[in-house]
């Protein structure tokens, strides 16, 4: 009698690296000073700099990660800066 073939084990799943939760402040440029917190009860995400006390709040959903809050903050800073530049060009 022959030996039964055993099933080959599937390859191990690759783990994704964890995303950062501490970032560089866009105002004071201090590394690892911005901490992002997510309050799922109130659906609010907040990024706060421990050095210069700047903060940013936004609405979140179940899929929101700290990097999303920080990215929205950076995008909002860039949007405000471009608006100010356009106003300066019109006034000059």
PDB file of N, CA and C in Angstrom:
ATOM      1  N   UNK A   1       0.849  -1.171   0.000  1.00  0.00           N
ATOM      2  CA  UNK A   1       0.000   0.000   0.000  1.00  0.00           C
ATOM      3  C   UNK A   1       0.898   1.239   0.000  1.00  0.00           C
ATOM      4  N   UNK A   2       0.450   2.206  -0.763  1.00  0.00           N
ATOM      5  CA  UNK A   2       1.225   3.435  -0.883  1.00  0.00           C
ATOM      6  C   UNK A   2       0.880   4.458   0.202  1.00  0.00           C
ATOM      7  N   UNK A   3       1.775   5.377   0.373  1.00  0.00           N
ATOM      8  CA  UNK A   3       1.581   6.427   1.368  1.00  0.00           C
ATOM      9  C   UNK A   3       0.747   7.556   0.753  1.00  0.00           C
ATOM     10  N   UNK A   4      -0.193   8.084   1.534  1.00  0.00           N
ATOM     11  CA  UNK A   4      -1.014   9.193   1.031  1.00  0.00           C
ATOM     12  C   UNK A   4      -0.183  10.470   0.961  1.00  0.00           C
ATOM     13  N   UNK A   5      -0.473  11.262  -0.059  1.00  0.00           N
ATOM     14  CA  UNK A   5       0.236  12.538  -0.197  1.00  0.00           C
ATOM     15  C   UNK A   5      -0.355  13.534   0.785  1.00  0.00           C
ATOM     16  N   UNK A   6       0.502  14.195   1.494  1.00  0.00           N
ATOM     17  CA  UNK A   6       0.029  15.219   2.432  1.00  0.00           C
ATOM     18  C   UNK A   6      -0.068  16.558   1.699  1.00  0.00           C
ATOM     19  N   UNK A   7      -1.033  17.364   2.117  1.00  0.00           N
ATOM     20  CA  UNK A   7      -1.189  18.677   1.498  1.00  0.00           C
ATOM     21  C   UNK A   7      -0.027  19.572   1.914  1.00  0.00           C
ATOM     22  N   UNK A   8       0.449  20.334   0.962  1.00  0.00           N
ATOM     23  CA  UNK A   8       1.524  21.286   1.264  1.00  0.00           C
ATOM     24  C   UNK A   8       0.931  22.450   2.057  1.00  0.00           C
ATOM     25  N   UNK A   9       1.672  22.898   3.049  1.00  0.00           N
ATOM     26  CA  UNK A   9       1.219  24.034   3.834  1.00  0.00           C
ATOM     27  C   UNK A   9       1.265  25.286   2.973  1.00  0.00           C
ATOM     28  N   UNK A  10       0.259  26.165   3.109  1.00  0.00           N
ATOM     29  CA  UNK A  10       0.308  27.411   2.342  1.00  0.00           C
ATOM     30  C   UNK A  10       1.440  28.299   2.864  1.00  0.00           C
ATOM     31  N   UNK A  11       1.991  29.138   1.988  1.00  0.00           N
ATOM     32  CA  UNK A  11       3.077  30.014   2.445  1.00  0.00           C
ATOM     33  C   UNK A  11       2.563  30.981   3.513  1.00  0.00           C
ATOM     34  N   UNK A  12       3.428  31.383   4.440  1.00  0.00           N
ATOM     35  CA  UNK A  12       2.990  32.309   5.486  1.00  0.00           C
ATOM     36  C   UNK A  12       2.605  33.665   4.891  1.00  0.00           C
ATOM     37  N   UNK A  13       1.599  34.291   5.492  1.00  0.00           N
ATOM     38  CA  UNK A  13       1.145  35.587   5.010  1.00  0.00           C
ATOM     39  C   UNK A  13       2.151  36.659   5.418  1.00  0.00           C
ATOM     40  N   UNK A  14       2.356  37.600   4.512  1.00  0.00           N
ATOM     41  CA  UNK A  14       3.264  38.699   4.803  1.00  0.00           C
ATOM     42  C   UNK A  14       2.538  39.702   5.691  1.00  0.00           C
ATOM     43  N   UNK A  15       3.196  40.121   6.728  1.00  0.00           N
ATOM     44  CA  UNK A  15       2.616  41.116   7.619  1.00  0.00           C
ATOM     45  C   UNK A  15       2.952  42.504   7.103  1.00  0.00           C
ATOM     46  N   UNK A  16       1.948  43.361   7.136  1.00  0.00           N
ATOM     47  CA  UNK A  16       2.184  44.745   6.766  1.00  0.00           C
ATOM     48  C   UNK A  16       2.790  45.471   7.952  1.00  0.00           C
ATOM     49  N   UNK A  17       3.719  46.354   7.681  1.00  0.00           N
ATOM     50  CA  UNK A  17       4.327  47.137   8.752  1.00  0.00           C
ATOM     51  C   UNK A  17       3.315  48.093   9.351  1.00  0.00           C
ATOM     52  N   UNK A  18       3.482  48.410  10.611  1.00  0.00           N
ATOM     53  CA  UNK A  18       2.561  49.330  11.269  1.00  0.00           C
ATOM     54  C   UNK A  18       2.817  50.744  10.780  1.00  0.00           C
ATOM     55  N   UNK A  19       1.742  51.499  10.669  1.00  0.00           N
ATOM     56  CA  UNK A  19       1.844  52.879  10.250  1.00  0.00           C
ATOM     57  C   UNK A  19       2.246  53.747  11.444  1.00  0.00           C
ATOM     58  N   UNK A  20       2.884  54.860  11.152  1.00  0.00           N
ATOM     59  CA  UNK A  20       3.329  55.751  12.212  1.00  0.00           C
ATOM     60  C   UNK A  20       2.141  56.448  12.869  1.00  0.00           C
ATOM     61  N   UNK A  21       2.307  56.840  14.118  1.00  0.00           N
ATOM     62  CA  UNK A  21       1.298  57.625  14.822  1.00  0.00           C
ATOM     63  C   UNK A  21       1.880  58.939  15.317  1.00  0.00           C
ATOM     64  N   UNK A  22       3.185  59.138  15.154  1.00  0.00           N
ATOM     65  CA  UNK A  22       3.854  60.370  15.588  1.00  0.00           C
ATOM     66  C   UNK A  22       4.568  60.954  14.367  1.00  0.00           C
ATOM     67  N   UNK A  23       4.402  62.288  14.165  1.00  0.00           N
ATOM     68  CA  UNK A  23       4.882  62.905  12.939  1.00  0.00           C
ATOM     69  C   UNK A  23       5.632  64.203  13.233  1.00  0.00           C
ATOM     70  N   UNK A  24       6.158  64.825  12.168  1.00  0.00           N
ATOM     71  CA  UNK A  24       6.858  66.105  12.254  1.00  0.00           C
ATOM     72  C   UNK A  24       5.852  67.241  12.150  1.00  0.00           C
ATOM     73  N   UNK A  25       6.010  68.242  12.974  1.00  0.00           N
ATOM     74  CA  UNK A  25       5.093  69.390  12.982  1.00  0.00           C
ATOM     75  C   UNK A  25       5.354  70.270  11.760  1.00  0.00           C
ATOM     76  N   UNK A  26       4.299  70.650  11.024  1.00  0.00           N
ATOM     77  CA  UNK A  26       4.501  71.522   9.860  1.00  0.00           C
ATOM     78  C   UNK A  26       4.793  72.966  10.244  1.00  0.00           C
ATOM     79  N   UNK A  27       4.580  73.340  11.494  1.00  0.00           N
ATOM     80  CA  UNK A  27       4.806  74.721  11.911  1.00  0.00           C
ATOM     81  C   UNK A  27       6.175  74.916  12.559  1.00  0.00           C
ATOM     82  N   UNK A  28       6.539  74.052  13.512  1.00  0.00           N
ATOM     83  CA  UNK A  28       7.831  74.225  14.200  1.00  0.00           C
ATOM     84  C   UNK A  28       8.901  73.265  13.682  1.00  0.00           C
ATOM     85  N   UNK A  29       8.544  72.349  12.775  1.00  0.00           N
ATOM     86  CA  UNK A  29       9.474  71.380  12.177  1.00  0.00           C
ATOM     87  C   UNK A  29      10.180  70.516  13.206  1.00  0.00           C
ATOM     88  N   UNK A  30       9.594  70.336  14.350  1.00  0.00           N
ATOM     89  CA  UNK A  30      10.184  69.481  15.378  1.00  0.00           C
ATOM     90  C   UNK A  30       9.765  68.039  15.078  1.00  0.00           C
ATOM     91  N   UNK A  31      10.730  67.148  14.933  1.00  0.00           N
ATOM     92  CA  UNK A  31      10.449  65.758  14.604  1.00  0.00           C
ATOM     93  C   UNK A  31       9.766  65.021  15.740  1.00  0.00           C
ATOM     94  N   UNK A  32       8.876  64.155  15.415  1.00  0.00           N
ATOM     95  CA  UNK A  32       8.174  63.295  16.375  1.00  0.00           C
ATOM     96  C   UNK A  32       7.459  64.088  17.468  1.00  0.00           C
ATOM     97  N   UNK A  33       6.869  65.211  17.097  1.00  0.00           N
ATOM     98  CA  UNK A  33       6.181  66.015  18.106  1.00  0.00           C
ATOM     99  C   UNK A  33       4.671  66.038  17.906  1.00  0.00           C
ATOM    100  N   UNK A  34       4.186  65.632  16.747  1.00  0.00           N
ATOM    101  CA  UNK A  34       2.752  65.643  16.479  1.00  0.00           C
ATOM    102  C   UNK A  34       2.193  64.253  16.762  1.00  0.00           C
ATOM    103  N   UNK A  35       1.218  64.208  17.647  1.00  0.00           N
ATOM    104  CA  UNK A  35       0.570  62.950  17.993  1.00  0.00           C
ATOM    105  C   UNK A  35      -0.874  63.005  17.502  1.00  0.00           C
ATOM    106  N   UNK A  36      -1.310  61.944  16.846  1.00  0.00           N
ATOM    107  CA  UNK A  36      -2.671  61.879  16.326  1.00  0.00           C
ATOM    108  C   UNK A  36      -3.507  60.947  17.193  1.00  0.00           C
ATOM    109  N   UNK A  37      -4.686  61.439  17.568  1.00  0.00           N
ATOM    110  CA  UNK A  37      -5.620  60.636  18.364  1.00  0.00           C
ATOM    111  C   UNK A  37      -6.943  60.540  17.628  1.00  0.00           C
ATOM    112  N   UNK A  38      -7.569  59.383  17.719  1.00  0.00           N
ATOM    113  CA  UNK A  38      -8.864  59.161  17.071  1.00  0.00           C
ATOM    114  C   UNK A  38      -9.887  58.817  18.138  1.00  0.00           C
ATOM    115  N   UNK A  39     -10.970  59.587  18.178  1.00  0.00           N
ATOM    116  CA  UNK A  39     -12.067  59.334  19.106  1.00  0.00           C
ATOM    117  C   UNK A  39     -13.231  58.792  18.285  1.00  0.00           C
ATOM    118  N   UNK A  40     -13.380  57.464  18.276  1.00  0.00           N
ATOM    119  CA  UNK A  40     -14.423  56.834  17.471  1.00  0.00           C
ATOM    120  C   UNK A  40     -15.812  57.081  18.049  1.00  0.00           C
ATOM    121  N   UNK A  41     -15.894  57.390  19.334  1.00  0.00           N
ATOM    122  CA  UNK A  41     -17.196  57.649  19.944  1.00  0.00           C
ATOM    123  C   UNK A  41     -17.814  58.922  19.364  1.00  0.00           C
ATOM    124  N   UNK A  42     -16.993  59.977  19.256  1.00  0.00           N
ATOM    125  CA  UNK A  42     -17.466  61.254  18.726  1.00  0.00           C
ATOM    126  C   UNK A  42     -17.114  61.451  17.255  1.00  0.00           C
ATOM    127  N   UNK A  43     -16.417  60.476  16.643  1.00  0.00           N
ATOM    128  CA  UNK A  43     -15.986  60.528  15.241  1.00  0.00           C
ATOM    129  C   UNK A  43     -15.138  61.772  14.951  1.00  0.00           C
ATOM    130  N   UNK A  44     -14.176  62.018  15.842  1.00  0.00           N
ATOM    131  CA  UNK A  44     -13.272  63.151  15.686  1.00  0.00           C
ATOM    132  C   UNK A  44     -11.826  62.657  15.747  1.00  0.00           C
ATOM    133  N   UNK A  45     -11.021  63.127  14.810  1.00  0.00           N
ATOM    134  CA  UNK A  45      -9.589  62.859  14.825  1.00  0.00           C
ATOM    135  C   UNK A  45      -8.855  64.147  15.093  1.00  0.00           C
ATOM    136  N   UNK A  46      -7.828  64.080  15.920  1.00  0.00           N
ATOM    137  CA  UNK A  46      -7.115  65.294  16.309  1.00  0.00           C
ATOM    138  C   UNK A  46      -5.610  65.056  16.224  1.00  0.00           C
ATOM    139  N   UNK A  47      -4.916  66.036  15.652  1.00  0.00           N
ATOM    140  CA  UNK A  47      -3.451  66.029  15.605  1.00  0.00           C
ATOM    141  C   UNK A  47      -2.969  67.220  16.413  1.00  0.00           C
ATOM    142  N   UNK A  48      -2.082  66.978  17.396  1.00  0.00           N
ATOM    143  CA  UNK A  48      -1.609  68.032  18.292  1.00  0.00           C
ATOM    144  C   UNK A  48      -0.087  67.980  18.373  1.00  0.00           C
ATOM    145  N   UNK A  49       0.563  69.157  18.259  1.00  0.00           N
ATOM    146  CA  UNK A  49       2.009  69.251  18.440  1.00  0.00           C
ATOM    147  C   UNK A  49       2.299  69.486  19.921  1.00  0.00           C
ATOM    148  N   UNK A  50       3.179  68.685  20.476  1.00  0.00           N
ATOM    149  CA  UNK A  50       3.526  68.820  21.897  1.00  0.00           C
ATOM    150  C   UNK A  50       4.443  70.009  22.150  1.00  0.00           C
ATOM    151  N   UNK A  51       5.102  70.520  21.124  1.00  0.00           N
ATOM    152  CA  UNK A  51       6.065  71.607  21.287  1.00  0.00           C
ATOM    153  C   UNK A  51       5.386  72.972  21.149  1.00  0.00           C
ATOM    154  N   UNK A  52       4.749  73.224  19.999  1.00  0.00           N
ATOM    155  CA  UNK A  52       4.177  74.546  19.746  1.00  0.00           C
ATOM    156  C   UNK A  52       2.671  74.608  19.997  1.00  0.00           C
ATOM    157  N   UNK A  53       2.057  73.512  20.409  1.00  0.00           N
ATOM    158  CA  UNK A  53       0.644  73.432  20.776  1.00  0.00           C
ATOM    159  C   UNK A  53      -0.310  73.694  19.617  1.00  0.00           C
ATOM    160  N   UNK A  54       0.161  73.621  18.361  1.00  0.00           N
ATOM    161  CA  UNK A  54      -0.739  73.724  17.213  1.00  0.00           C
ATOM    162  C   UNK A  54      -1.583  72.456  17.167  1.00  0.00           C
ATOM    163  N   UNK A  55      -2.834  72.607  16.700  1.00  0.00           N
ATOM    164  CA  UNK A  55      -3.677  71.418  16.600  1.00  0.00           C
ATOM    165  C   UNK A  55      -4.561  71.489  15.380  1.00  0.00           C
ATOM    166  N   UNK A  56      -5.092  70.334  14.988  1.00  0.00           N
ATOM    167  CA  UNK A  56      -5.969  70.207  13.838  1.00  0.00           C
ATOM    168  C   UNK A  56      -6.976  69.116  14.153  1.00  0.00           C
ATOM    169  N   UNK A  57      -8.236  69.384  13.862  1.00  0.00           N
ATOM    170  CA  UNK A  57      -9.288  68.393  14.088  1.00  0.00           C
ATOM    171  C   UNK A  57     -10.046  68.146  12.797  1.00  0.00           C
ATOM    172  N   UNK A  58     -10.512  66.924  12.625  1.00  0.00           N
ATOM    173  CA  UNK A  58     -11.277  66.559  11.444  1.00  0.00           C
ATOM    174  C   UNK A  58     -12.229  65.426  11.796  1.00  0.00           C
ATOM    175  N   UNK A  59     -13.188  65.187  10.937  1.00  0.00           N
ATOM    176  CA  UNK A  59     -14.107  64.066  11.151  1.00  0.00           C
ATOM    177  C   UNK A  59     -13.452  62.789  10.645  1.00  0.00           C
ATOM    178  N   UNK A  60     -13.788  61.680  11.270  1.00  0.00           N
ATOM    179  CA  UNK A  60     -13.195  60.398  10.908  1.00  0.00           C
ATOM    180  C   UNK A  60     -14.294  59.374  10.659  1.00  0.00           C
ATOM    181  N   UNK A  61     -13.885  58.247  10.084  1.00  0.00           N
ATOM    182  CA  UNK A  61     -14.782  57.101   9.929  1.00  0.00           C
ATOM    183  C   UNK A  61     -14.055  55.853  10.409  1.00  0.00           C
ATOM    184  N   UNK A  62     -14.656  54.716  10.217  1.00  0.00           N
ATOM    185  CA  UNK A  62     -14.093  53.472  10.747  1.00  0.00           C
ATOM    186  C   UNK A  62     -12.753  53.109  10.107  1.00  0.00           C
ATOM    187  N   UNK A  63     -12.482  53.608   8.913  1.00  0.00           N
ATOM    188  CA  UNK A  63     -11.257  53.241   8.198  1.00  0.00           C
ATOM    189  C   UNK A  63     -10.126  54.246   8.386  1.00  0.00           C
ATOM    190  N   UNK A  64     -10.366  55.309   9.103  1.00  0.00           N
ATOM    191  CA  UNK A  64      -9.369  56.365   9.273  1.00  0.00           C
ATOM    192  C   UNK A  64      -8.224  55.907  10.169  1.00  0.00           C
ATOM    193  N   UNK A  65      -7.002  56.226   9.737  1.00  0.00           N
ATOM    194  CA  UNK A  65      -5.783  55.939  10.482  1.00  0.00           C
ATOM    195  C   UNK A  65      -5.125  57.272  10.851  1.00  0.00           C
ATOM    196  N   UNK A  66      -4.194  57.268  11.812  1.00  0.00           N
ATOM    197  CA  UNK A  66      -3.514  58.522  12.185  1.00  0.00           C
ATOM    198  C   UNK A  66      -2.824  59.221  11.013  1.00  0.00           C
ATOM    199  N   UNK A  67      -2.270  58.460  10.076  1.00  0.00           N
ATOM    200  CA  UNK A  67      -1.604  59.078   8.928  1.00  0.00           C
ATOM    201  C   UNK A  67      -2.595  59.857   8.078  1.00  0.00           C
ATOM    202  N   UNK A  68      -3.860  59.433   8.054  1.00  0.00           N
ATOM    203  CA  UNK A  68      -4.882  60.148   7.295  1.00  0.00           C
ATOM    204  C   UNK A  68      -5.156  61.521   7.905  1.00  0.00           C
ATOM    205  N   UNK A  69      -5.200  61.588   9.216  1.00  0.00           N
ATOM    206  CA  UNK A  69      -5.434  62.857   9.902  1.00  0.00           C
ATOM    207  C   UNK A  69      -4.275  63.810   9.632  1.00  0.00           C
ATOM    208  N   UNK A  70      -3.047  63.306   9.760  1.00  0.00           N
ATOM    209  CA  UNK A  70      -1.865  64.138   9.514  1.00  0.00           C
ATOM    210  C   UNK A  70      -1.840  64.613   8.059  1.00  0.00           C
ATOM    211  N   UNK A  71      -2.159  63.738   7.126  1.00  0.00           N
ATOM    212  CA  UNK A  71      -2.162  64.111   5.709  1.00  0.00           C
ATOM    213  C   UNK A  71      -3.198  65.191   5.422  1.00  0.00           C
ATOM    214  N   UNK A  72      -4.368  65.079   6.031  1.00  0.00           N
ATOM    215  CA  UNK A  72      -5.387  66.117   5.858  1.00  0.00           C
ATOM    216  C   UNK A  72      -4.893  67.449   6.407  1.00  0.00           C
ATOM    217  N   UNK A  73      -4.171  67.417   7.520  1.00  0.00           N
ATOM    218  CA  UNK A  73      -3.623  68.638   8.107  1.00  0.00           C
ATOM    219  C   UNK A  73      -2.624  69.286   7.150  1.00  0.00           C
ATOM    220  N   UNK A  74      -1.744  68.497   6.592  1.00  0.00           N
ATOM    221  CA  UNK A  74      -0.749  69.004   5.648  1.00  0.00           C
ATOM    222  C   UNK A  74      -1.449  69.580   4.414  1.00  0.00           C
ATOM    223  N   UNK A  75      -2.451  68.873   3.897  1.00  0.00           N
ATOM    224  CA  UNK A  75      -3.196  69.349   2.731  1.00  0.00           C
ATOM    225  C   UNK A  75      -3.887  70.679   3.030  1.00  0.00           C
ATOM    226  N   UNK A  76      -4.463  70.801   4.215  1.00  0.00           N
ATOM    227  CA  UNK A  76      -5.142  72.040   4.602  1.00  0.00           C
ATOM    228  C   UNK A  76      -4.144  73.189   4.725  1.00  0.00           C
ATOM    229  N   UNK A  77      -2.961  72.919   5.272  1.00  0.00           N
ATOM    230  CA  UNK A  77      -1.917  73.945   5.367  1.00  0.00           C
ATOM    231  C   UNK A  77      -1.513  74.423   3.969  1.00  0.00           C
ATOM    232  N   UNK A  78      -1.336  73.492   3.044  1.00  0.00           N
ATOM    233  CA  UNK A  78      -0.953  73.854   1.681  1.00  0.00           C
ATOM    234  C   UNK A  78      -2.056  74.652   1.001  1.00  0.00           C
ATOM    235  N   UNK A  79      -3.320  74.282   1.238  1.00  0.00           N
ATOM    236  CA  UNK A  79      -4.446  74.987   0.633  1.00  0.00           C
ATOM    237  C   UNK A  79      -4.502  76.436   1.137  1.00  0.00           C
ATOM    238  N   UNK A  80      -4.320  76.614   2.428  1.00  0.00           N
ATOM    239  CA  UNK A  80      -4.339  77.962   3.003  1.00  0.00           C
ATOM    240  C   UNK A  80      -3.169  78.784   2.461  1.00  0.00           C
ATOM    241  N   UNK A  81      -2.000  78.181   2.346  1.00  0.00           N
ATOM    242  CA  UNK A  81      -0.832  78.907   1.829  1.00  0.00           C
ATOM    243  C   UNK A  81      -1.034  79.344   0.382  1.00  0.00           C
ATOM    244  N   UNK A  82      -1.628  78.496  -0.456  1.00  0.00           N
ATOM    245  CA  UNK A  82      -1.860  78.876  -1.848  1.00  0.00           C
ATOM    246  C   UNK A  82      -2.909  79.977  -1.943  1.00  0.00           C
ATOM    247  N   UNK A  83      -3.921  79.953  -1.070  1.00  0.00           N
ATOM    248  CA  UNK A  83      -4.919  81.030  -1.060  1.00  0.00           C
ATOM    249  C   UNK A  83      -4.280  82.351  -0.680  1.00  0.00           C
ATOM    250  N   UNK A  84      -3.397  82.333   0.316  1.00  0.00           N
ATOM    251  CA  UNK A  84      -2.713  83.558   0.743  1.00  0.00           C
ATOM    252  C   UNK A  84      -1.804  84.087  -0.362  1.00  0.00           C
ATOM    253  N   UNK A  85      -1.132  83.198  -1.078  1.00  0.00           N
ATOM    254  CA  UNK A  85      -0.260  83.616  -2.171  1.00  0.00           C
ATOM    255  C   UNK A  85      -1.069  84.250  -3.293  1.00  0.00           C
ATOM    256  N   UNK A  86      -2.245  83.687  -3.614  1.00  0.00           N
ATOM    257  CA  UNK A  86      -3.093  84.240  -4.661  1.00  0.00           C
ATOM    258  C   UNK A  86      -3.608  85.623  -4.260  1.00  0.00           C
ATOM    259  N   UNK A  87      -3.967  85.792  -3.003  1.00  0.00           N
ATOM    260  CA  UNK A  87      -4.430  87.100  -2.537  1.00  0.00           C
ATOM    261  C   UNK A  87      -3.307  88.128  -2.596  1.00  0.00           C
ATOM    262  N   UNK A  88      -2.081  87.720  -2.262  1.00  0.00           N
ATOM    263  CA  UNK A  88      -0.940  88.629  -2.321  1.00  0.00           C
ATOM    264  C   UNK A  88      -0.654  89.054  -3.765  1.00  0.00           C
ATOM    265  N   UNK A  89      -0.793  88.129  -4.719  1.00  0.00           N
ATOM    266  CA  UNK A  89      -0.558  88.447  -6.123  1.00  0.00           C
ATOM    267  C   UNK A  89      -1.622  89.401  -6.655  1.00  0.00           C
ATOM    268  N   UNK A  90      -2.864  89.220  -6.236  1.00  0.00           N
ATOM    269  CA  UNK A  90      -3.934  90.098  -6.683  1.00  0.00           C
ATOM    270  C   UNK A  90      -3.787  91.497  -6.093  1.00  0.00           C
ATOM    271  N   UNK A  91      -3.323  91.587  -4.881  1.00  0.00           N
ATOM    272  CA  UNK A  91      -3.160  92.867  -4.204  1.00  0.00           C
ATOM    273  C   UNK A  91      -1.953  93.651  -4.697  1.00  0.00           C
ATOM    274  N   UNK A  92      -0.969  92.974  -5.281  1.00  0.00           N
ATOM    275  CA  UNK A  92       0.260  93.648  -5.711  1.00  0.00           C
ATOM    276  C   UNK A  92       0.126  94.340  -7.035  1.00  0.00           C
TER     277      UNK A  92
END
